[in-house]
Amino acid sequence: MGLHLYQLLAARDFDPAGIPEVLALTLGNVGDHGPLIATLKYACWELRPNLDATTDEIRHLLAGLAGRYVPAGPSGAPSRGQAHILPTGRNFYAVDPRAVPSPAAWTVGSGLAREVLARHEQETGAPPQRVAISVWGTSNMRTQGDDIAQILALIGARPRWHAQSRRVEGVELIPLAELGRPRVDVTVRVSGFFRDAFPHVITLIDDAVQAAMHADEPEDQNPLRRQYLADLAGRLADLPPEEAAARAAYRVFGSAPGTYGAGILDLINEGNWTGDGDFTRTFVNWGGYAYTAAEHGTDARDDFRARLGGTQLVLHNQDNREHDILDSDDYLQFFGGMIASVRHLSGTQPLRYFGDTSNPERARVRDLGEETLRVYRSRVVNPKWLAGIRAHGYKGGLEQTATVDYLFGLDATAQVAHDFMYEGVAQAYALDPENQAFLRRSNPWALQAITTRLLEAQGRGLWTPQPDTLHALQNLLVESEGLLEERGETARPGGGGA
């Protein structure tokens, strides 16, 4: 109904004088429309002008580049109902980390936790005991802490908010009788930006972990406590009691202080890997530093390796539909790198769940394979997307190359792509006459890079192409290299990326 009301208003150019007619057409002769009139007036008087003002993005960018003043404004995602951040194009400031997670984020994140638990039990017949999740700073700024709320909910803890300020004052364990299920042992891999922006939240997670580990509860209902006591007993012979207790309690890991990233992209771009062992070594070396309320970046790579080796389920969430898992290398690095590491260290492919909170009222959890297939069908080989991206010339070729690279990287780490997906990409990007002509004309480096990457995937056993497809790609690679030589140029470093 809300969409219908806005469509009728749009047909009247959001003229407030048309609100009574819109309500009458939609609801009939209802005497009391409650808050609807005020809401529609807000859309006409504030929301529409603020959306029209998004053209200020270019104006303010040019002002910033010229060293002039750019107005400040809050950060967030308009697509998540945060209309107060409009108009965009301002010098945004972050959320108050002491207010993360917000009550709204707790609603979304705890709902995600329930979805994860229900799906795991449906697929395996039992709830998960040990879970790992990768968490980024920018997404938690937009959502005000969906991921954090999910972590706390899985552990079986909840935030305590100050009644007036709504800042988080601490966490408390949810009693097992109220929780109605066992707690979950959660390992968290935070990004470097999250580490820098949300130290208070790291302390909050550590407080929840410590509370669960020291709760007087049956170990079969508290895997966190059971694992903590087992690890502690195994370390006491070699370490002082305080250090043994600290290391047994590590659950939040990230890159070393002052460093960022996961290191996986460099392996992919340079082709400097042969299997999961290489991904694991890099993922652990880059991300195996522990963060707690008392410690900031302690080298804990052996502990991180042990946590990953016992993980049953790997999680990651996406909070908007402004991008997808195949147009950013961060997914293959953090999510894919974690999956590859768990698979290598445990000897078993873990379950991989992808949370979609783009509509916070209908948060969904999909298997990563399902999400990859959804993106493949809706964007990667969508003729409308390909036609639109071709309108951007050289940059369009770069975007196509990046899509192929990210599909390859996510498949190498997470094992998500089927043969028909590579076949579809080969036909739509490299072998389609129209797209091939576009690349030859606008970005021959992209044509060479796409062909090289597809043949690398075949050479590494990621797919088995149809014989005609393989032959056509091999011929195209020779032709593309010849095309670059005729121009007096060569393929760019890193596999010929555009």
Foldseek 3Di string as FASTA:
>chain_A
DVVQLVVVCVVVVLDLVCNVVSCCVVPNPDPDPDCVSVVSNCCSPPQVVLQVPLVCLVVLVVCVVVVHDFAEFADADVLQVPSRRTPPNGNHDFDDLQLAPFPLLLLLQLVVLVQQQVVVCVVPVHGAAAEEEEEEDNQCRHNRYNPLSNLLNLQQKDFDADPPPSGTPAIDHHDCVVNVAAHHHYAYEYWLVCVVPRLVSQQRSLRSLVCLLPDPDDCVRRVSVVQLVVQLVVCVVPDPNVVSNVLSSFRYKYFAPPDGFQPLVVCLLQVVDQALVVLQVSRLNGIQFTRYNPDHGHRGSVSVLVSLCPHQEYEYEDQADPDAQLQDLRCLRRVLSSQSSNCVNNVHRHFYWYWYCSPSVDIHIDTVLVRVVVCLVPALLPPVNLVVLLVVFQVSLLRNLSSLSSVLSSCRRNVRDAQVSLVSSLCRQANPVVNVVSCLPRPLLSNLQNLQSSVVCVVSPSYDHDPVSVVVSVVSNVVSQVSQVVVVHGADRRRRRD
